[in-house]
Amino acid sequence: MATPLTPVTHRVTQTDLVRYAGASHDFNPIHFDETIARQHGLPGIIAHGMFTMGLITRVLEPLLVQGYRITEWSSRFRTMVPVGQTLVVSGTSDETTLGTLRVSVAVSLEGHAKPALTGTITLHRAT
């Protein structure tokens, strides 16, 4: 039986993207320069895909605190995330075997039906 995880919301700010760029060394100007982003056909500055994916860890945190560890992670990017958007990170977990969880996650733009990112994560309880 699927157990819902507590959803998390996060408004993507320019500061988030500057910090992420510094940490990841991904200084692609589409993540900080409005003019260049638009020259590339984008609606404006967009979030790094890996930043968006990293937000998933916020819904996994309660499981990690319980001693689960991530052993597999599969994600699919489905749409871009413009700066200024509020994201809703949600998921459900199913115990597949004793001590093993399979978590289905989605990161969606608030107010949009289509997720920006979907994924499946396997976690094992550390012994």
N, C-alpha and C. Protein backbone atom coordinates (compact mmCIF):
# COMPACT_ATOMS: atom_id res chain seq x y z
N MET A 1 0.84 -1.18 0.00
CA MET A 1 0.00 0.00 0.00
C MET A 1 0.89 1.25 0.00
N ALA A 2 0.60 2.16 -0.89
CA ALA A 2 1.39 3.39 -1.02
C ALA A 2 1.12 4.32 0.16
N THR A 3 2.20 4.84 0.71
CA THR A 3 2.12 5.80 1.80
C THR A 3 2.55 7.16 1.28
N PRO A 4 1.67 8.17 1.38
CA PRO A 4 2.07 9.49 0.89
C PRO A 4 3.15 10.11 1.77
N LEU A 5 4.10 10.77 1.14
CA LEU A 5 5.11 11.54 1.86
C LEU A 5 4.59 12.96 2.04
N THR A 6 5.06 13.63 3.06
CA THR A 6 4.62 15.00 3.31
C THR A 6 5.17 15.90 2.21
N PRO A 7 4.28 16.58 1.47
CA PRO A 7 4.75 17.44 0.38
C PRO A 7 5.52 18.65 0.92
N VAL A 8 6.39 19.16 0.06
CA VAL A 8 7.21 20.33 0.38
C VAL A 8 7.05 21.33 -0.75
N THR A 9 6.95 22.62 -0.41
CA THR A 9 6.91 23.65 -1.44
C THR A 9 8.19 24.50 -1.35
N HIS A 10 8.59 25.02 -2.50
CA HIS A 10 9.78 25.87 -2.54
C HIS A 10 9.63 26.86 -3.69
N ARG A 11 9.76 28.14 -3.38
CA ARG A 11 9.75 29.17 -4.42
C ARG A 11 11.18 29.35 -4.91
N VAL A 12 11.40 29.16 -6.21
CA VAL A 12 12.73 29.25 -6.80
C VAL A 12 13.10 30.72 -6.96
N THR A 13 14.21 31.12 -6.35
CA THR A 13 14.66 32.50 -6.41
C THR A 13 15.96 32.61 -7.20
N GLN A 14 16.26 33.82 -7.60
CA GLN A 14 17.53 34.08 -8.28
C GLN A 14 18.69 33.73 -7.34
N THR A 15 18.54 34.00 -6.05
CA THR A 15 19.58 33.67 -5.07
C THR A 15 19.83 32.17 -5.04
N ASP A 16 18.77 31.35 -5.10
CA ASP A 16 18.93 29.89 -5.16
C ASP A 16 19.84 29.51 -6.32
N LEU A 17 19.58 30.11 -7.48
CA LEU A 17 20.32 29.73 -8.68
C LEU A 17 21.77 30.20 -8.64
N VAL A 18 22.01 31.37 -8.06
CA VAL A 18 23.38 31.85 -7.89
C VAL A 18 24.14 30.93 -6.96
N ARG A 19 23.52 30.57 -5.85
CA ARG A 19 24.18 29.66 -4.90
C ARG A 19 24.44 28.29 -5.54
N TYR A 20 23.45 27.78 -6.26
CA TYR A 20 23.63 26.48 -6.90
C TYR A 20 24.74 26.54 -7.95
N ALA A 21 24.77 27.61 -8.73
CA ALA A 21 25.82 27.76 -9.74
C ALA A 21 27.20 27.74 -9.09
N GLY A 22 27.33 28.44 -7.97
CA GLY A 22 28.62 28.45 -7.28
C GLY A 22 29.01 27.08 -6.75
N ALA A 23 28.04 26.35 -6.23
CA ALA A 23 28.33 25.02 -5.68
C ALA A 23 28.61 24.00 -6.77
N SER A 24 27.91 24.10 -7.88
CA SER A 24 28.02 23.10 -8.95
C SER A 24 29.02 23.49 -10.04
N HIS A 25 29.41 24.74 -10.06
CA HIS A 25 30.26 25.30 -11.12
C HIS A 25 29.55 25.27 -12.48
N ASP A 26 28.22 25.32 -12.45
CA ASP A 26 27.43 25.39 -13.68
C ASP A 26 27.03 26.85 -13.89
N PHE A 27 27.84 27.56 -14.65
CA PHE A 27 27.62 28.98 -14.87
C PHE A 27 27.01 29.28 -16.23
N ASN A 28 26.20 28.36 -16.73
CA ASN A 28 25.51 28.59 -17.99
C ASN A 28 24.63 29.84 -17.81
N PRO A 29 24.79 30.85 -18.67
CA PRO A 29 24.07 32.11 -18.47
C PRO A 29 22.54 32.01 -18.55
N ILE A 30 21.99 30.93 -19.07
CA ILE A 30 20.52 30.80 -19.08
C ILE A 30 19.97 30.70 -17.67
N HIS A 31 20.85 30.47 -16.69
CA HIS A 31 20.43 30.36 -15.30
C HIS A 31 20.57 31.66 -14.52
N PHE A 32 21.09 32.73 -15.19
CA PHE A 32 21.22 33.99 -14.47
C PHE A 32 21.08 35.24 -15.34
N ASP A 33 21.09 35.10 -16.66
CA ASP A 33 21.04 36.26 -17.55
C ASP A 33 19.77 36.21 -18.39
N GLU A 34 18.83 37.08 -18.07
CA GLU A 34 17.53 37.12 -18.74
C GLU A 34 17.67 37.28 -20.25
N THR A 35 18.53 38.19 -20.68
CA THR A 35 18.71 38.47 -22.12
C THR A 35 19.20 37.22 -22.86
N ILE A 36 20.20 36.58 -22.33
CA ILE A 36 20.75 35.38 -22.98
C ILE A 36 19.73 34.25 -22.97
N ALA A 37 19.02 34.09 -21.87
CA ALA A 37 17.98 33.05 -21.80
C ALA A 37 16.95 33.26 -22.91
N ARG A 38 16.52 34.49 -23.09
CA ARG A 38 15.53 34.78 -24.13
C ARG A 38 16.11 34.61 -25.54
N GLN A 39 17.39 34.95 -25.71
CA GLN A 39 18.04 34.74 -27.01
C GLN A 39 18.07 33.26 -27.39
N HIS A 40 18.03 32.39 -26.39
CA HIS A 40 18.01 30.95 -26.63
C HIS A 40 16.58 30.39 -26.70
N GLY A 41 15.60 31.27 -26.81
CA GLY A 41 14.22 30.85 -26.97
C GLY A 41 13.51 30.47 -25.69
N LEU A 42 14.11 30.78 -24.55
CA LEU A 42 13.50 30.46 -23.27
C LEU A 42 12.58 31.59 -22.81
N PRO A 43 11.63 31.30 -21.94
CA PRO A 43 10.72 32.36 -21.47
C PRO A 43 11.39 33.33 -20.50
N GLY A 44 12.59 33.04 -20.10
CA GLY A 44 13.34 33.83 -19.13
C GLY A 44 14.34 32.91 -18.45
N ILE A 45 14.86 33.35 -17.33
CA ILE A 45 15.83 32.55 -16.58
C ILE A 45 15.16 31.27 -16.09
N ILE A 46 15.88 30.15 -16.25
CA ILE A 46 15.33 28.87 -15.79
C ILE A 46 16.28 28.25 -14.74
N ALA A 47 15.69 27.45 -13.88
CA ALA A 47 16.46 26.77 -12.84
C ALA A 47 17.29 25.64 -13.46
N HIS A 48 18.42 25.36 -12.84
CA HIS A 48 19.22 24.20 -13.22
C HIS A 48 18.38 22.94 -12.99
N GLY A 49 18.43 22.03 -13.92
CA GLY A 49 17.69 20.78 -13.75
C GLY A 49 18.11 20.04 -12.49
N MET A 50 19.41 20.01 -12.23
CA MET A 50 19.89 19.28 -11.05
C MET A 50 19.50 19.98 -9.75
N PHE A 51 19.32 21.30 -9.78
CA PHE A 51 18.80 22.00 -8.61
C PHE A 51 17.38 21.51 -8.33
N THR A 52 16.57 21.47 -9.40
CA THR A 52 15.20 21.00 -9.27
C THR A 52 15.17 19.57 -8.73
N MET A 53 16.02 18.72 -9.28
CA MET A 53 16.07 17.33 -8.82
C MET A 53 16.50 17.25 -7.36
N GLY A 54 17.43 18.09 -6.96
CA GLY A 54 17.90 18.08 -5.59
C GLY A 54 16.82 18.40 -4.57
N LEU A 55 15.80 19.13 -4.98
CA LEU A 55 14.71 19.45 -4.05
C LEU A 55 13.97 18.20 -3.59
N ILE A 56 14.07 17.13 -4.35
CA ILE A 56 13.42 15.87 -3.96
C ILE A 56 13.91 15.39 -2.60
N THR A 57 15.16 15.68 -2.29
CA THR A 57 15.70 15.20 -1.00
C THR A 57 14.92 15.75 0.18
N ARG A 58 14.22 16.85 -0.01
CA ARG A 58 13.43 17.43 1.09
C ARG A 58 12.26 16.54 1.49
N VAL A 59 11.66 15.83 0.54
CA VAL A 59 10.59 14.91 0.92
C VAL A 59 11.15 13.57 1.41
N LEU A 60 12.41 13.29 1.05
CA LEU A 60 13.05 12.04 1.50
C LEU A 60 13.66 12.17 2.89
N GLU A 61 13.86 13.38 3.36
CA GLU A 61 14.56 13.61 4.62
C GLU A 61 14.02 12.78 5.79
N PRO A 62 12.70 12.69 6.00
CA PRO A 62 12.21 11.87 7.12
C PRO A 62 12.64 10.40 7.01
N LEU A 63 12.73 9.87 5.80
CA LEU A 63 13.17 8.49 5.61
C LEU A 63 14.66 8.35 5.88
N LEU A 64 15.43 9.34 5.47
CA LEU A 64 16.87 9.30 5.71
C LEU A 64 17.17 9.38 7.21
N VAL A 65 16.40 10.17 7.93
CA VAL A 65 16.57 10.28 9.38
C VAL A 65 16.24 8.95 10.06
N GLN A 66 15.33 8.18 9.47
CA GLN A 66 14.97 6.87 10.02
C GLN A 66 16.02 5.80 9.73
N GLY A 67 17.05 6.14 8.96
CA GLY A 67 18.11 5.19 8.69
C GLY A 67 18.10 4.60 7.29
N TYR A 68 17.20 5.07 6.44
CA TYR A 68 17.20 4.60 5.05
C TYR A 68 18.29 5.32 4.27
N ARG A 69 18.85 4.62 3.29
CA ARG A 69 19.88 5.19 2.43
C ARG A 69 19.48 4.97 0.97
N ILE A 70 19.75 5.95 0.15
CA ILE A 70 19.40 5.89 -1.27
C ILE A 70 20.38 4.95 -1.98
N THR A 71 19.82 3.97 -2.72
CA THR A 71 20.66 3.05 -3.47
C THR A 71 20.45 3.15 -4.98
N GLU A 72 19.30 3.64 -5.39
CA GLU A 72 19.03 3.86 -6.82
C GLU A 72 18.18 5.10 -6.96
N TRP A 73 18.42 5.83 -8.07
CA TRP A 73 17.67 7.06 -8.32
C TRP A 73 17.50 7.21 -9.82
N SER A 74 16.28 7.34 -10.25
CA SER A 74 15.99 7.55 -11.67
C SER A 74 15.04 8.74 -11.78
N SER A 75 15.40 9.70 -12.62
CA SER A 75 14.57 10.89 -12.79
C SER A 75 14.39 11.20 -14.26
N ARG A 76 13.29 11.86 -14.55
CA ARG A 76 13.03 12.32 -15.91
C ARG A 76 12.59 13.77 -15.85
N PHE A 77 13.34 14.63 -16.56
CA PHE A 77 12.99 16.03 -16.64
C PHE A 77 11.91 16.18 -17.71
N ARG A 78 10.82 16.86 -17.37
CA ARG A 78 9.69 16.94 -18.29
C ARG A 78 9.41 18.36 -18.80
N THR A 79 9.78 19.37 -18.03
CA THR A 79 9.60 20.75 -18.46
C THR A 79 10.55 21.65 -17.69
N MET A 80 10.78 22.84 -18.19
CA MET A 80 11.69 23.78 -17.53
C MET A 80 11.00 24.45 -16.35
N VAL A 81 11.82 24.93 -15.43
CA VAL A 81 11.32 25.61 -14.23
C VAL A 81 11.81 27.06 -14.27
N PRO A 82 10.92 28.01 -14.56
CA PRO A 82 11.32 29.41 -14.56
C PRO A 82 11.58 29.92 -13.14
N VAL A 83 12.53 30.84 -13.02
CA VAL A 83 12.79 31.46 -11.73
C VAL A 83 11.51 32.18 -11.29
N GLY A 84 11.26 32.17 -10.00
CA GLY A 84 10.07 32.81 -9.45
C GLY A 84 8.89 31.88 -9.27
N GLN A 85 8.97 30.68 -9.83
CA GLN A 85 7.89 29.71 -9.70
C GLN A 85 7.96 29.00 -8.35
N THR A 86 6.80 28.63 -7.83
CA THR A 86 6.75 27.81 -6.63
C THR A 86 6.59 26.36 -7.06
N LEU A 87 7.46 25.52 -6.52
CA LEU A 87 7.43 24.10 -6.83
C LEU A 87 6.80 23.33 -5.68
N VAL A 88 6.09 22.28 -6.02
CA VAL A 88 5.53 21.36 -5.04
C VAL A 88 6.19 20.01 -5.26
N VAL A 89 6.88 19.54 -4.24
CA VAL A 89 7.55 18.24 -4.31
C VAL A 89 6.70 17.25 -3.53
N SER A 90 6.28 16.18 -4.18
CA SER A 90 5.42 15.20 -3.52
C SER A 90 5.89 13.80 -3.86
N GLY A 91 5.38 12.83 -3.12
CA GLY A 91 5.76 11.46 -3.40
C GLY A 91 4.98 10.47 -2.56
N THR A 92 5.15 9.20 -2.93
CA THR A 92 4.58 8.09 -2.17
C THR A 92 5.65 7.02 -2.04
N SER A 93 5.56 6.27 -0.95
CA SER A 93 6.52 5.18 -0.77
C SER A 93 5.78 3.86 -0.61
N ASP A 94 6.39 2.81 -1.12
CA ASP A 94 5.88 1.43 -1.00
C ASP A 94 7.02 0.57 -0.49
N GLU A 95 6.76 -0.25 0.51
CA GLU A 95 7.78 -1.20 0.97
C GLU A 95 7.73 -2.40 0.04
N THR A 96 8.83 -2.65 -0.68
CA THR A 96 8.86 -3.74 -1.65
C THR A 96 9.32 -5.04 -0.99
N THR A 97 10.29 -4.94 -0.11
CA THR A 97 10.73 -6.06 0.71
C THR A 97 11.06 -5.48 2.07
N LEU A 98 11.28 -6.34 3.03
CA LEU A 98 11.58 -5.86 4.37
C LEU A 98 12.82 -4.96 4.32
N GLY A 99 12.65 -3.70 4.73
CA GLY A 99 13.76 -2.76 4.76
C GLY A 99 14.07 -2.07 3.45
N THR A 100 13.25 -2.30 2.42
CA THR A 100 13.47 -1.66 1.12
C THR A 100 12.21 -0.89 0.72
N LEU A 101 12.41 0.37 0.38
CA LEU A 101 11.30 1.22 -0.06
C LEU A 101 11.52 1.64 -1.51
N ARG A 102 10.43 1.72 -2.23
CA ARG A 102 10.44 2.29 -3.58
C ARG A 102 9.59 3.55 -3.49
N VAL A 103 10.19 4.68 -3.80
CA VAL A 103 9.52 5.97 -3.67
C VAL A 103 9.30 6.56 -5.06
N SER A 104 8.07 6.93 -5.35
CA SER A 104 7.73 7.65 -6.58
C SER A 104 7.59 9.12 -6.22
N VAL A 105 8.26 9.99 -6.98
CA VAL A 105 8.25 11.42 -6.66
C VAL A 105 7.87 12.24 -7.89
N ALA A 106 7.40 13.45 -7.62
CA ALA A 106 7.09 14.41 -8.67
C ALA A 106 7.41 15.80 -8.15
N VAL A 107 7.96 16.62 -9.02
CA VAL A 107 8.17 18.03 -8.74
C VAL A 107 7.30 18.78 -9.75
N SER A 108 6.34 19.53 -9.23
CA SER A 108 5.39 20.21 -10.11
C SER A 108 5.41 21.71 -9.87
N LEU A 109 5.16 22.46 -10.93
CA LEU A 109 4.96 23.90 -10.79
C LEU A 109 3.59 24.09 -10.14
N GLU A 110 3.55 24.89 -9.11
CA GLU A 110 2.28 25.11 -8.40
C GLU A 110 1.22 25.58 -9.39
N GLY A 111 0.06 24.93 -9.36
CA GLY A 111 -1.04 25.29 -10.24
C GLY A 111 -1.00 24.64 -11.61
N HIS A 112 0.00 23.80 -11.87
CA HIS A 112 0.10 23.10 -13.15
C HIS A 112 -0.07 21.60 -12.93
N ALA A 113 -0.78 20.96 -13.82
CA ALA A 113 -1.02 19.53 -13.69
C ALA A 113 0.19 18.69 -14.09
N LYS A 114 0.91 19.14 -15.12
CA LYS A 114 2.04 18.37 -15.64
C LYS A 114 3.27 18.60 -14.76
N PRO A 115 3.88 17.52 -14.25
CA PRO A 115 5.08 17.70 -13.42
C PRO A 115 6.28 18.16 -14.24
N ALA A 116 7.16 18.91 -13.59
CA ALA A 116 8.41 19.34 -14.22
C ALA A 116 9.43 18.22 -14.19
N LEU A 117 9.28 17.31 -13.22
CA LEU A 117 10.21 16.21 -13.05
C LEU A 117 9.48 15.07 -12.36
N THR A 118 9.76 13.86 -12.78
CA THR A 118 9.25 12.67 -12.09
C THR A 118 10.41 11.74 -11.83
N GLY A 119 10.25 10.86 -10.87
CA GLY A 119 11.33 9.95 -10.58
C GLY A 119 10.92 8.80 -9.68
N THR A 120 11.81 7.83 -9.61
CA THR A 120 11.66 6.67 -8.74
C THR A 120 12.97 6.48 -8.00
N ILE A 121 12.86 6.30 -6.70
CA ILE A 121 14.04 6.17 -5.86
C ILE A 121 13.89 4.92 -5.00
N THR A 122 14.95 4.13 -4.90
CA THR A 122 14.97 2.95 -4.03
C THR A 122 15.83 3.29 -2.82
N LEU A 123 15.30 2.97 -1.66
CA LEU A 123 16.03 3.20 -0.41
C LEU A 123 16.08 1.89 0.37
N HIS A 124 17.20 1.65 1.04
CA HIS A 124 17.36 0.48 1.91
C HIS A 124 17.65 0.98 3.32
N ARG A 125 17.09 0.29 4.29
CA ARG A 125 17.36 0.65 5.68
C ARG A 125 18.77 0.19 6.00
N ALA A 126 19.58 1.11 6.50
CA ALA A 126 20.95 0.79 6.89
C ALA A 126 20.93 -0.14 8.12
N THR A 127 21.82 -1.11 8.11
CA THR A 127 21.87 -2.03 9.26
C THR A 127 23.12 -1.83 10.07
